[in-house]
PDBML (XML) file of the C-alpha atoms, coordinates in Angstrom:
<?xml version="1.0" encoding="UTF-8" ?>
<PDBx:datablock datablockName="MODEL"
   xmlns:PDBx="http://pdbml.pdb.org/schema/pdbx-v50.xsd"
   xmlns:xsi="http://www.w3.org/2001/XMLSchema-instance"
   xsi:schemaLocation="http://pdbml.pdb.org/schema/pdbx-v50.xsd pdbx-v50.xsd">
   <PDBx:atom_siteCategory>
      <PDBx:atom_site id="1">
         <PDBx:B_iso_or_equiv>0.00</PDBx:B_iso_or_equiv>
         <PDBx:Cartn_x>-1.944</PDBx:Cartn_x>
         <PDBx:Cartn_y>-5.274</PDBx:Cartn_y>
         <PDBx:Cartn_z>5.680</PDBx:Cartn_z>
         <PDBx:auth_asym_id>A</PDBx:auth_asym_id>
         <PDBx:auth_atom_id>CA</PDBx:auth_atom_id>
         <PDBx:auth_comp_id>UNK</PDBx:auth_comp_id>
         <PDBx:auth_seq_id>1</PDBx:auth_seq_id>
         <PDBx:group_PDB>ATOM</PDBx:group_PDB>
         <PDBx:label_alt_id xsi:nil="true" />
         <PDBx:label_asym_id>A</PDBx:label_asym_id>
         <PDBx:label_atom_id>CA</PDBx:label_atom_id>
         <PDBx:label_comp_id>UNK</PDBx:label_comp_id>
         <PDBx:label_entity_id>1</PDBx:label_entity_id>
         <PDBx:label_seq_id>1</PDBx:label_seq_id>
         <PDBx:occupancy>1.00</PDBx:occupancy>
         <PDBx:pdbx_PDB_model_num>1</PDBx:pdbx_PDB_model_num>
         <PDBx:type_symbol>C</PDBx:type_symbol>
      </PDBx:atom_site>
      <PDBx:atom_site id="2">
         <PDBx:B_iso_or_equiv>0.00</PDBx:B_iso_or_equiv>
         <PDBx:Cartn_x>1.847</PDBx:Cartn_x>
         <PDBx:Cartn_y>-5.344</PDBx:Cartn_y>
         <PDBx:Cartn_z>5.975</PDBx:Cartn_z>
         <PDBx:auth_asym_id>A</PDBx:auth_asym_id>
         <PDBx:auth_atom_id>CA</PDBx:auth_atom_id>
         <PDBx:auth_comp_id>UNK</PDBx:auth_comp_id>
         <PDBx:auth_seq_id>2</PDBx:auth_seq_id>
         <PDBx:group_PDB>ATOM</PDBx:group_PDB>
         <PDBx:label_alt_id xsi:nil="true" />
         <PDBx:label_asym_id>A</PDBx:label_asym_id>
         <PDBx:label_atom_id>CA</PDBx:label_atom_id>
         <PDBx:label_comp_id>UNK</PDBx:label_comp_id>
         <PDBx:label_entity_id>1</PDBx:label_entity_id>
         <PDBx:label_seq_id>2</PDBx:label_seq_id>
         <PDBx:occupancy>1.00</PDBx:occupancy>
         <PDBx:pdbx_PDB_model_num>1</PDBx:pdbx_PDB_model_num>
         <PDBx:type_symbol>C</PDBx:type_symbol>
      </PDBx:atom_site>
      <PDBx:atom_site id="3">
         <PDBx:B_iso_or_equiv>0.00</PDBx:B_iso_or_equiv>
         <PDBx:Cartn_x>1.489</PDBx:Cartn_x>
         <PDBx:Cartn_y>-8.378</PDBx:Cartn_y>
         <PDBx:Cartn_z>8.250</PDBx:Cartn_z>
         <PDBx:auth_asym_id>A</PDBx:auth_asym_id>
         <PDBx:auth_atom_id>CA</PDBx:auth_atom_id>
         <PDBx:auth_comp_id>UNK</PDBx:auth_comp_id>
         <PDBx:auth_seq_id>3</PDBx:auth_seq_id>
         <PDBx:group_PDB>ATOM</PDBx:group_PDB>
         <PDBx:label_alt_id xsi:nil="true" />
         <PDBx:label_asym_id>A</PDBx:label_asym_id>
         <PDBx:label_atom_id>CA</PDBx:label_atom_id>
         <PDBx:label_comp_id>UNK</PDBx:label_comp_id>
         <PDBx:label_entity_id>1</PDBx:label_entity_id>
         <PDBx:label_seq_id>3</PDBx:label_seq_id>
         <PDBx:occupancy>1.00</PDBx:occupancy>
         <PDBx:pdbx_PDB_model_num>1</PDBx:pdbx_PDB_model_num>
         <PDBx:type_symbol>C</PDBx:type_symbol>
      </PDBx:atom_site>
      <PDBx:atom_site id="4">
         <PDBx:B_iso_or_equiv>0.00</PDBx:B_iso_or_equiv>
         <PDBx:Cartn_x>-0.484</PDBx:Cartn_x>
         <PDBx:Cartn_y>-10.242</PDBx:Cartn_y>
         <PDBx:Cartn_z>5.587</PDBx:Cartn_z>
         <PDBx:auth_asym_id>A</PDBx:auth_asym_id>
         <PDBx:auth_atom_id>CA</PDBx:auth_atom_id>
         <PDBx:auth_comp_id>UNK</PDBx:auth_comp_id>
         <PDBx:auth_seq_id>4</PDBx:auth_seq_id>
         <PDBx:group_PDB>ATOM</PDBx:group_PDB>
         <PDBx:label_alt_id xsi:nil="true" />
         <PDBx:label_asym_id>A</PDBx:label_asym_id>
         <PDBx:label_atom_id>CA</PDBx:label_atom_id>
         <PDBx:label_comp_id>UNK</PDBx:label_comp_id>
         <PDBx:label_entity_id>1</PDBx:label_entity_id>
         <PDBx:label_seq_id>4</PDBx:label_seq_id>
         <PDBx:occupancy>1.00</PDBx:occupancy>
         <PDBx:pdbx_PDB_model_num>1</PDBx:pdbx_PDB_model_num>
         <PDBx:type_symbol>C</PDBx:type_symbol>
      </PDBx:atom_site>
      <PDBx:atom_site id="5">
         <PDBx:B_iso_or_equiv>0.00</PDBx:B_iso_or_equiv>
         <PDBx:Cartn_x>1.601</PDBx:Cartn_x>
         <PDBx:Cartn_y>-9.032</PDBx:Cartn_y>
         <PDBx:Cartn_z>2.643</PDBx:Cartn_z>
         <PDBx:auth_asym_id>A</PDBx:auth_asym_id>
         <PDBx:auth_atom_id>CA</PDBx:auth_atom_id>
         <PDBx:auth_comp_id>UNK</PDBx:auth_comp_id>
         <PDBx:auth_seq_id>5</PDBx:auth_seq_id>
         <PDBx:group_PDB>ATOM</PDBx:group_PDB>
         <PDBx:label_alt_id xsi:nil="true" />
         <PDBx:label_asym_id>A</PDBx:label_asym_id>
         <PDBx:label_atom_id>CA</PDBx:label_atom_id>
         <PDBx:label_comp_id>UNK</PDBx:label_comp_id>
         <PDBx:label_entity_id>1</PDBx:label_entity_id>
         <PDBx:label_seq_id>5</PDBx:label_seq_id>
         <PDBx:occupancy>1.00</PDBx:occupancy>
         <PDBx:pdbx_PDB_model_num>1</PDBx:pdbx_PDB_model_num>
         <PDBx:type_symbol>C</PDBx:type_symbol>
      </PDBx:atom_site>
      <PDBx:atom_site id="6">
         <PDBx:B_iso_or_equiv>0.00</PDBx:B_iso_or_equiv>
         <PDBx:Cartn_x>5.150</PDBx:Cartn_x>
         <PDBx:Cartn_y>-8.924</PDBx:Cartn_y>
         <PDBx:Cartn_z>4.058</PDBx:Cartn_z>
         <PDBx:auth_asym_id>A</PDBx:auth_asym_id>
         <PDBx:auth_atom_id>CA</PDBx:auth_atom_id>
         <PDBx:auth_comp_id>UNK</PDBx:auth_comp_id>
         <PDBx:auth_seq_id>6</PDBx:auth_seq_id>
         <PDBx:group_PDB>ATOM</PDBx:group_PDB>
         <PDBx:label_alt_id xsi:nil="true" />
         <PDBx:label_asym_id>A</PDBx:label_asym_id>
         <PDBx:label_atom_id>CA</PDBx:label_atom_id>
         <PDBx:label_comp_id>UNK</PDBx:label_comp_id>
         <PDBx:label_entity_id>1</PDBx:label_entity_id>
         <PDBx:label_seq_id>6</PDBx:label_seq_id>
         <PDBx:occupancy>1.00</PDBx:occupancy>
         <PDBx:pdbx_PDB_model_num>1</PDBx:pdbx_PDB_model_num>
         <PDBx:type_symbol>C</PDBx:type_symbol>
      </PDBx:atom_site>
      <PDBx:atom_site id="7">
         <PDBx:B_iso_or_equiv>0.00</PDBx:B_iso_or_equiv>
         <PDBx:Cartn_x>6.816</PDBx:Cartn_x>
         <PDBx:Cartn_y>-8.712</PDBx:Cartn_y>
         <PDBx:Cartn_z>0.654</PDBx:Cartn_z>
         <PDBx:auth_asym_id>A</PDBx:auth_asym_id>
         <PDBx:auth_atom_id>CA</PDBx:auth_atom_id>
         <PDBx:auth_comp_id>UNK</PDBx:auth_comp_id>
         <PDBx:auth_seq_id>7</PDBx:auth_seq_id>
         <PDBx:group_PDB>ATOM</PDBx:group_PDB>
         <PDBx:label_alt_id xsi:nil="true" />
         <PDBx:label_asym_id>A</PDBx:label_asym_id>
         <PDBx:label_atom_id>CA</PDBx:label_atom_id>
         <PDBx:label_comp_id>UNK</PDBx:label_comp_id>
         <PDBx:label_entity_id>1</PDBx:label_entity_id>
         <PDBx:label_seq_id>7</PDBx:label_seq_id>
         <PDBx:occupancy>1.00</PDBx:occupancy>
         <PDBx:pdbx_PDB_model_num>1</PDBx:pdbx_PDB_model_num>
         <PDBx:type_symbol>C</PDBx:type_symbol>
      </PDBx:atom_site>
      <PDBx:atom_site id="8">
         <PDBx:B_iso_or_equiv>0.00</PDBx:B_iso_or_equiv>
         <PDBx:Cartn_x>5.662</PDBx:Cartn_x>
         <PDBx:Cartn_y>-5.072</PDBx:Cartn_y>
         <PDBx:Cartn_z>0.359</PDBx:Cartn_z>
         <PDBx:auth_asym_id>A</PDBx:auth_asym_id>
         <PDBx:auth_atom_id>CA</PDBx:auth_atom_id>
         <PDBx:auth_comp_id>UNK</PDBx:auth_comp_id>
         <PDBx:auth_seq_id>8</PDBx:auth_seq_id>
         <PDBx:group_PDB>ATOM</PDBx:group_PDB>
         <PDBx:label_alt_id xsi:nil="true" />
         <PDBx:label_asym_id>A</PDBx:label_asym_id>
         <PDBx:label_atom_id>CA</PDBx:label_atom_id>
         <PDBx:label_comp_id>UNK</PDBx:label_comp_id>
         <PDBx:label_entity_id>1</PDBx:label_entity_id>
         <PDBx:label_seq_id>8</PDBx:label_seq_id>
         <PDBx:occupancy>1.00</PDBx:occupancy>
         <PDBx:pdbx_PDB_model_num>1</PDBx:pdbx_PDB_model_num>
         <PDBx:type_symbol>C</PDBx:type_symbol>
      </PDBx:atom_site>
      <PDBx:atom_site id="9">
         <PDBx:B_iso_or_equiv>0.00</PDBx:B_iso_or_equiv>
         <PDBx:Cartn_x>7.229</PDBx:Cartn_x>
         <PDBx:Cartn_y>-2.407</PDBx:Cartn_y>
         <PDBx:Cartn_z>2.515</PDBx:Cartn_z>
         <PDBx:auth_asym_id>A</PDBx:auth_asym_id>
         <PDBx:auth_atom_id>CA</PDBx:auth_atom_id>
         <PDBx:auth_comp_id>UNK</PDBx:auth_comp_id>
         <PDBx:auth_seq_id>9</PDBx:auth_seq_id>
         <PDBx:group_PDB>ATOM</PDBx:group_PDB>
         <PDBx:label_alt_id xsi:nil="true" />
         <PDBx:label_asym_id>A</PDBx:label_asym_id>
         <PDBx:label_atom_id>CA</PDBx:label_atom_id>
         <PDBx:label_comp_id>UNK</PDBx:label_comp_id>
         <PDBx:label_entity_id>1</PDBx:label_entity_id>
         <PDBx:label_seq_id>9</PDBx:label_seq_id>
         <PDBx:occupancy>1.00</PDBx:occupancy>
         <PDBx:pdbx_PDB_model_num>1</PDBx:pdbx_PDB_model_num>
         <PDBx:type_symbol>C</PDBx:type_symbol>
      </PDBx:atom_site>
      <PDBx:atom_site id="10">
         <PDBx:B_iso_or_equiv>0.00</PDBx:B_iso_or_equiv>
         <PDBx:Cartn_x>5.129</PDBx:Cartn_x>
         <PDBx:Cartn_y>0.063</PDBx:Cartn_y>
         <PDBx:Cartn_z>4.461</PDBx:Cartn_z>
         <PDBx:auth_asym_id>A</PDBx:auth_asym_id>
         <PDBx:auth_atom_id>CA</PDBx:auth_atom_id>
         <PDBx:auth_comp_id>UNK</PDBx:auth_comp_id>
         <PDBx:auth_seq_id>10</PDBx:auth_seq_id>
         <PDBx:group_PDB>ATOM</PDBx:group_PDB>
         <PDBx:label_alt_id xsi:nil="true" />
         <PDBx:label_asym_id>A</PDBx:label_asym_id>
         <PDBx:label_atom_id>CA</PDBx:label_atom_id>
         <PDBx:label_comp_id>UNK</PDBx:label_comp_id>
         <PDBx:label_entity_id>1</PDBx:label_entity_id>
         <PDBx:label_seq_id>10</PDBx:label_seq_id>
         <PDBx:occupancy>1.00</PDBx:occupancy>
         <PDBx:pdbx_PDB_model_num>1</PDBx:pdbx_PDB_model_num>
         <PDBx:type_symbol>C</PDBx:type_symbol>
      </PDBx:atom_site>
      <PDBx:atom_site id="11">
         <PDBx:B_iso_or_equiv>0.00</PDBx:B_iso_or_equiv>
         <PDBx:Cartn_x>6.326</PDBx:Cartn_x>
         <PDBx:Cartn_y>2.784</PDBx:Cartn_y>
         <PDBx:Cartn_z>2.077</PDBx:Cartn_z>
         <PDBx:auth_asym_id>A</PDBx:auth_asym_id>
         <PDBx:auth_atom_id>CA</PDBx:auth_atom_id>
         <PDBx:auth_comp_id>UNK</PDBx:auth_comp_id>
         <PDBx:auth_seq_id>11</PDBx:auth_seq_id>
         <PDBx:group_PDB>ATOM</PDBx:group_PDB>
         <PDBx:label_alt_id xsi:nil="true" />
         <PDBx:label_asym_id>A</PDBx:label_asym_id>
         <PDBx:label_atom_id>CA</PDBx:label_atom_id>
         <PDBx:label_comp_id>UNK</PDBx:label_comp_id>
         <PDBx:label_entity_id>1</PDBx:label_entity_id>
         <PDBx:label_seq_id>11</PDBx:label_seq_id>
         <PDBx:occupancy>1.00</PDBx:occupancy>
         <PDBx:pdbx_PDB_model_num>1</PDBx:pdbx_PDB_model_num>
         <PDBx:type_symbol>C</PDBx:type_symbol>
      </PDBx:atom_site>
      <PDBx:atom_site id="12">
         <PDBx:B_iso_or_equiv>0.00</PDBx:B_iso_or_equiv>
         <PDBx:Cartn_x>5.104</PDBx:Cartn_x>
         <PDBx:Cartn_y>0.733</PDBx:Cartn_y>
         <PDBx:Cartn_z>-0.900</PDBx:Cartn_z>
         <PDBx:auth_asym_id>A</PDBx:auth_asym_id>
         <PDBx:auth_atom_id>CA</PDBx:auth_atom_id>
         <PDBx:auth_comp_id>UNK</PDBx:auth_comp_id>
         <PDBx:auth_seq_id>12</PDBx:auth_seq_id>
         <PDBx:group_PDB>ATOM</PDBx:group_PDB>
         <PDBx:label_alt_id xsi:nil="true" />
         <PDBx:label_asym_id>A</PDBx:label_asym_id>
         <PDBx:label_atom_id>CA</PDBx:label_atom_id>
         <PDBx:label_comp_id>UNK</PDBx:label_comp_id>
         <PDBx:label_entity_id>1</PDBx:label_entity_id>
         <PDBx:label_seq_id>12</PDBx:label_seq_id>
         <PDBx:occupancy>1.00</PDBx:occupancy>
         <PDBx:pdbx_PDB_model_num>1</PDBx:pdbx_PDB_model_num>
         <PDBx:type_symbol>C</PDBx:type_symbol>
      </PDBx:atom_site>
      <PDBx:atom_site id="13">
         <PDBx:B_iso_or_equiv>0.00</PDBx:B_iso_or_equiv>
         <PDBx:Cartn_x>1.755</PDBx:Cartn_x>
         <PDBx:Cartn_y>0.259</PDBx:Cartn_y>
         <PDBx:Cartn_z>0.838</PDBx:Cartn_z>
         <PDBx:auth_asym_id>A</PDBx:auth_asym_id>
         <PDBx:auth_atom_id>CA</PDBx:auth_atom_id>
         <PDBx:auth_comp_id>UNK</PDBx:auth_comp_id>
         <PDBx:auth_seq_id>13</PDBx:auth_seq_id>
         <PDBx:group_PDB>ATOM</PDBx:group_PDB>
         <PDBx:label_alt_id xsi:nil="true" />
         <PDBx:label_asym_id>A</PDBx:label_asym_id>
         <PDBx:label_atom_id>CA</PDBx:label_atom_id>
         <PDBx:label_comp_id>UNK</PDBx:label_comp_id>
         <PDBx:label_entity_id>1</PDBx:label_entity_id>
         <PDBx:label_seq_id>13</PDBx:label_seq_id>
         <PDBx:occupancy>1.00</PDBx:occupancy>
         <PDBx:pdbx_PDB_model_num>1</PDBx:pdbx_PDB_model_num>
         <PDBx:type_symbol>C</PDBx:type_symbol>
      </PDBx:atom_site>
      <PDBx:atom_site id="14">
         <PDBx:B_iso_or_equiv>0.00</PDBx:B_iso_or_equiv>
         <PDBx:Cartn_x>1.459</PDBx:Cartn_x>
         <PDBx:Cartn_y>4.002</PDBx:Cartn_y>
         <PDBx:Cartn_z>1.490</PDBx:Cartn_z>
         <PDBx:auth_asym_id>A</PDBx:auth_asym_id>
         <PDBx:auth_atom_id>CA</PDBx:auth_atom_id>
         <PDBx:auth_comp_id>UNK</PDBx:auth_comp_id>
         <PDBx:auth_seq_id>14</PDBx:auth_seq_id>
         <PDBx:group_PDB>ATOM</PDBx:group_PDB>
         <PDBx:label_alt_id xsi:nil="true" />
         <PDBx:label_asym_id>A</PDBx:label_asym_id>
         <PDBx:label_atom_id>CA</PDBx:label_atom_id>
         <PDBx:label_comp_id>UNK</PDBx:label_comp_id>
         <PDBx:label_entity_id>1</PDBx:label_entity_id>
         <PDBx:label_seq_id>14</PDBx:label_seq_id>
         <PDBx:occupancy>1.00</PDBx:occupancy>
         <PDBx:pdbx_PDB_model_num>1</PDBx:pdbx_PDB_model_num>
         <PDBx:type_symbol>C</PDBx:type_symbol>
      </PDBx:atom_site>
      <PDBx:atom_site id="15">
         <PDBx:B_iso_or_equiv>0.00</PDBx:B_iso_or_equiv>
         <PDBx:Cartn_x>2.173</PDBx:Cartn_x>
         <PDBx:Cartn_y>4.710</PDBx:Cartn_y>
         <PDBx:Cartn_z>-2.165</PDBx:Cartn_z>
         <PDBx:auth_asym_id>A</PDBx:auth_asym_id>
         <PDBx:auth_atom_id>CA</PDBx:auth_atom_id>
         <PDBx:auth_comp_id>UNK</PDBx:auth_comp_id>
         <PDBx:auth_seq_id>15</PDBx:auth_seq_id>
         <PDBx:group_PDB>ATOM</PDBx:group_PDB>
         <PDBx:label_alt_id xsi:nil="true" />
         <PDBx:label_asym_id>A</PDBx:label_asym_id>
         <PDBx:label_atom_id>CA</PDBx:label_atom_id>
         <PDBx:label_comp_id>UNK</PDBx:label_comp_id>
         <PDBx:label_entity_id>1</PDBx:label_entity_id>
         <PDBx:label_seq_id>15</PDBx:label_seq_id>
         <PDBx:occupancy>1.00</PDBx:occupancy>
         <PDBx:pdbx_PDB_model_num>1</PDBx:pdbx_PDB_model_num>
         <PDBx:type_symbol>C</PDBx:type_symbol>
      </PDBx:atom_site>
      <PDBx:atom_site id="16">
         <PDBx:B_iso_or_equiv>0.00</PDBx:B_iso_or_equiv>
         <PDBx:Cartn_x>-0.363</PDBx:Cartn_x>
         <PDBx:Cartn_y>2.109</PDBx:Cartn_y>
         <PDBx:Cartn_z>-3.249</PDBx:Cartn_z>
         <PDBx:auth_asym_id>A</PDBx:auth_asym_id>
         <PDBx:auth_atom_id>CA</PDBx:auth_atom_id>
         <PDBx:auth_comp_id>UNK</PDBx:auth_comp_id>
         <PDBx:auth_seq_id>16</PDBx:auth_seq_id>
         <PDBx:group_PDB>ATOM</PDBx:group_PDB>
         <PDBx:label_alt_id xsi:nil="true" />
         <PDBx:label_asym_id>A</PDBx:label_asym_id>
         <PDBx:label_atom_id>CA</PDBx:label_atom_id>
         <PDBx:label_comp_id>UNK</PDBx:label_comp_id>
         <PDBx:label_entity_id>1</PDBx:label_entity_id>
         <PDBx:label_seq_id>16</PDBx:label_seq_id>
         <PDBx:occupancy>1.00</PDBx:occupancy>
         <PDBx:pdbx_PDB_model_num>1</PDBx:pdbx_PDB_model_num>
         <PDBx:type_symbol>C</PDBx:type_symbol>
      </PDBx:atom_site>
      <PDBx:atom_site id="17">
         <PDBx:B_iso_or_equiv>0.00</PDBx:B_iso_or_equiv>
         <PDBx:Cartn_x>-2.946</PDBx:Cartn_x>
         <PDBx:Cartn_y>3.573</PDBx:Cartn_y>
         <PDBx:Cartn_z>-0.880</PDBx:Cartn_z>
         <PDBx:auth_asym_id>A</PDBx:auth_asym_id>
         <PDBx:auth_atom_id>CA</PDBx:auth_atom_id>
         <PDBx:auth_comp_id>UNK</PDBx:auth_comp_id>
         <PDBx:auth_seq_id>17</PDBx:auth_seq_id>
         <PDBx:group_PDB>ATOM</PDBx:group_PDB>
         <PDBx:label_alt_id xsi:nil="true" />
         <PDBx:label_asym_id>A</PDBx:label_asym_id>
         <PDBx:label_atom_id>CA</PDBx:label_atom_id>
         <PDBx:label_comp_id>UNK</PDBx:label_comp_id>
         <PDBx:label_entity_id>1</PDBx:label_entity_id>
         <PDBx:label_seq_id>17</PDBx:label_seq_id>
         <PDBx:occupancy>1.00</PDBx:occupancy>
         <PDBx:pdbx_PDB_model_num>1</PDBx:pdbx_PDB_model_num>
         <PDBx:type_symbol>C</PDBx:type_symbol>
      </PDBx:atom_site>
      <PDBx:atom_site id="18">
         <PDBx:B_iso_or_equiv>0.00</PDBx:B_iso_or_equiv>
         <PDBx:Cartn_x>-2.397</PDBx:Cartn_x>
         <PDBx:Cartn_y>7.021</PDBx:Cartn_y>
         <PDBx:Cartn_z>-2.406</PDBx:Cartn_z>
         <PDBx:auth_asym_id>A</PDBx:auth_asym_id>
         <PDBx:auth_atom_id>CA</PDBx:auth_atom_id>
         <PDBx:auth_comp_id>UNK</PDBx:auth_comp_id>
         <PDBx:auth_seq_id>18</PDBx:auth_seq_id>
         <PDBx:group_PDB>ATOM</PDBx:group_PDB>
         <PDBx:label_alt_id xsi:nil="true" />
         <PDBx:label_asym_id>A</PDBx:label_asym_id>
         <PDBx:label_atom_id>CA</PDBx:label_atom_id>
         <PDBx:label_comp_id>UNK</PDBx:label_comp_id>
         <PDBx:label_entity_id>1</PDBx:label_entity_id>
         <PDBx:label_seq_id>18</PDBx:label_seq_id>
         <PDBx:occupancy>1.00</PDBx:occupancy>
         <PDBx:pdbx_PDB_model_num>1</PDBx:pdbx_PDB_model_num>
         <PDBx:type_symbol>C</PDBx:type_symbol>
      </PDBx:atom_site>
      <PDBx:atom_site id="19">
         <PDBx:B_iso_or_equiv>0.00</PDBx:B_iso_or_equiv>
         <PDBx:Cartn_x>-2.873</PDBx:Cartn_x>
         <PDBx:Cartn_y>5.566</PDBx:Cartn_y>
         <PDBx:Cartn_z>-5.909</PDBx:Cartn_z>
         <PDBx:auth_asym_id>A</PDBx:auth_asym_id>
         <PDBx:auth_atom_id>CA</PDBx:auth_atom_id>
         <PDBx:auth_comp_id>UNK</PDBx:auth_comp_id>
         <PDBx:auth_seq_id>19</PDBx:auth_seq_id>
         <PDBx:group_PDB>ATOM</PDBx:group_PDB>
         <PDBx:label_alt_id xsi:nil="true" />
         <PDBx:label_asym_id>A</PDBx:label_asym_id>
         <PDBx:label_atom_id>CA</PDBx:label_atom_id>
         <PDBx:label_comp_id>UNK</PDBx:label_comp_id>
         <PDBx:label_entity_id>1</PDBx:label_entity_id>
         <PDBx:label_seq_id>19</PDBx:label_seq_id>
         <PDBx:occupancy>1.00</PDBx:occupancy>
         <PDBx:pdbx_PDB_model_num>1</PDBx:pdbx_PDB_model_num>
         <PDBx:type_symbol>C</PDBx:type_symbol>
      </PDBx:atom_site>
      <PDBx:atom_site id="20">
         <PDBx:B_iso_or_equiv>0.00</PDBx:B_iso_or_equiv>
         <PDBx:Cartn_x>-6.058</PDBx:Cartn_x>
         <PDBx:Cartn_y>3.760</PDBx:Cartn_y>
         <PDBx:Cartn_z>-4.863</PDBx:Cartn_z>
         <PDBx:auth_asym_id>A</PDBx:auth_asym_id>
         <PDBx:auth_atom_id>CA</PDBx:auth_atom_id>
         <PDBx:auth_comp_id>UNK</PDBx:auth_comp_id>
         <PDBx:auth_seq_id>20</PDBx:auth_seq_id>
         <PDBx:group_PDB>ATOM</PDBx:group_PDB>
         <PDBx:label_alt_id xsi:nil="true" />
         <PDBx:label_asym_id>A</PDBx:label_asym_id>
         <PDBx:label_atom_id>CA</PDBx:label_atom_id>
         <PDBx:label_comp_id>UNK</PDBx:label_comp_id>
         <PDBx:label_entity_id>1</PDBx:label_entity_id>
         <PDBx:label_seq_id>20</PDBx:label_seq_id>
         <PDBx:occupancy>1.00</PDBx:occupancy>
         <PDBx:pdbx_PDB_model_num>1</PDBx:pdbx_PDB_model_num>
         <PDBx:type_symbol>C</PDBx:type_symbol>
      </PDBx:atom_site>
      <PDBx:atom_site id="21">
         <PDBx:B_iso_or_equiv>0.00</PDBx:B_iso_or_equiv>
         <PDBx:Cartn_x>-7.483</PDBx:Cartn_x>
         <PDBx:Cartn_y>6.885</PDBx:Cartn_y>
         <PDBx:Cartn_z>-3.239</PDBx:Cartn_z>
         <PDBx:auth_asym_id>A</PDBx:auth_asym_id>
         <PDBx:auth_atom_id>CA</PDBx:auth_atom_id>
         <PDBx:auth_comp_id>UNK</PDBx:auth_comp_id>
         <PDBx:auth_seq_id>21</PDBx:auth_seq_id>
         <PDBx:group_PDB>ATOM</PDBx:group_PDB>
         <PDBx:label_alt_id xsi:nil="true" />
         <PDBx:label_asym_id>A</PDBx:label_asym_id>
         <PDBx:label_atom_id>CA</PDBx:label_atom_id>
         <PDBx:label_comp_id>UNK</PDBx:label_comp_id>
         <PDBx:label_entity_id>1</PDBx:label_entity_id>
         <PDBx:label_seq_id>21</PDBx:label_seq_id>
         <PDBx:occupancy>1.00</PDBx:occupancy>
         <PDBx:pdbx_PDB_model_num>1</PDBx:pdbx_PDB_model_num>
         <PDBx:type_symbol>C</PDBx:type_symbol>
      </PDBx:atom_site>
      <PDBx:atom_site id="22">
         <PDBx:B_iso_or_equiv>0.00</PDBx:B_iso_or_equiv>
         <PDBx:Cartn_x>-6.754</PDBx:Cartn_x>
         <PDBx:Cartn_y>8.943</PDBx:Cartn_y>
         <PDBx:Cartn_z>-6.367</PDBx:Cartn_z>
         <PDBx:auth_asym_id>A</PDBx:auth_asym_id>
         <PDBx:auth_atom_id>CA</PDBx:auth_atom_id>
         <PDBx:auth_comp_id>UNK</PDBx:auth_comp_id>
         <PDBx:auth_seq_id>22</PDBx:auth_seq_id>
         <PDBx:group_PDB>ATOM</PDBx:group_PDB>
         <PDBx:label_alt_id xsi:nil="true" />
         <PDBx:label_asym_id>A</PDBx:label_asym_id>
         <PDBx:label_atom_id>CA</PDBx:label_atom_id>
         <PDBx:label_comp_id>UNK</PDBx:label_comp_id>
         <PDBx:label_entity_id>1</PDBx:label_entity_id>
         <PDBx:label_seq_id>22</PDBx:label_seq_id>
         <PDBx:occupancy>1.00</PDBx:occupancy>
         <PDBx:pdbx_PDB_model_num>1</PDBx:pdbx_PDB_model_num>
         <PDBx:type_symbol>C</PDBx:type_symbol>
      </PDBx:atom_site>
      <PDBx:atom_site id="23">
         <PDBx:B_iso_or_equiv>0.00</PDBx:B_iso_or_equiv>
         <PDBx:Cartn_x>-8.736</PDBx:Cartn_x>
         <PDBx:Cartn_y>6.510</PDBx:Cartn_y>
         <PDBx:Cartn_z>-8.490</PDBx:Cartn_z>
         <PDBx:auth_asym_id>A</PDBx:auth_asym_id>
         <PDBx:auth_atom_id>CA</PDBx:auth_atom_id>
         <PDBx:auth_comp_id>UNK</PDBx:auth_comp_id>
         <PDBx:auth_seq_id>23</PDBx:auth_seq_id>
         <PDBx:group_PDB>ATOM</PDBx:group_PDB>
         <PDBx:label_alt_id xsi:nil="true" />
         <PDBx:label_asym_id>A</PDBx:label_asym_id>
         <PDBx:label_atom_id>CA</PDBx:label_atom_id>
         <PDBx:label_comp_id>UNK</PDBx:label_comp_id>
         <PDBx:label_entity_id>1</PDBx:label_entity_id>
         <PDBx:label_seq_id>23</PDBx:label_seq_id>
         <PDBx:occupancy>1.00</PDBx:occupancy>
         <PDBx:pdbx_PDB_model_num>1</PDBx:pdbx_PDB_model_num>
         <PDBx:type_symbol>C</PDBx:type_symbol>
      </PDBx:atom_site>
      <PDBx:atom_site id="24">
         <PDBx:B_iso_or_equiv>0.00</PDBx:B_iso_or_equiv>
         <PDBx:Cartn_x>-11.701</PDBx:Cartn_x>
         <PDBx:Cartn_y>6.467</PDBx:Cartn_y>
         <PDBx:Cartn_z>-6.119</PDBx:Cartn_z>
         <PDBx:auth_asym_id>A</PDBx:auth_asym_id>
         <PDBx:auth_atom_id>CA</PDBx:auth_atom_id>
         <PDBx:auth_comp_id>UNK</PDBx:auth_comp_id>
         <PDBx:auth_seq_id>24</PDBx:auth_seq_id>
         <PDBx:group_PDB>ATOM</PDBx:group_PDB>
         <PDBx:label_alt_id xsi:nil="true" />
         <PDBx:label_asym_id>A</PDBx:label_asym_id>
         <PDBx:label_atom_id>CA</PDBx:label_atom_id>
         <PDBx:label_comp_id>UNK</PDBx:label_comp_id>
         <PDBx:label_entity_id>1</PDBx:label_entity_id>
         <PDBx:label_seq_id>24</PDBx:label_seq_id>
         <PDBx:occupancy>1.00</PDBx:occupancy>
         <PDBx:pdbx_PDB_model_num>1</PDBx:pdbx_PDB_model_num>
         <PDBx:type_symbol>C</PDBx:type_symbol>
      </PDBx:atom_site>
   </PDBx:atom_siteCategory>
</PDBx:datablock>
């Protein structure tokens, strides 16, 4: 995903993943 959305850092993606998983 970081390759397709390079404006977000891997840390930001990890945080976003955690938020998404909490809502699921």
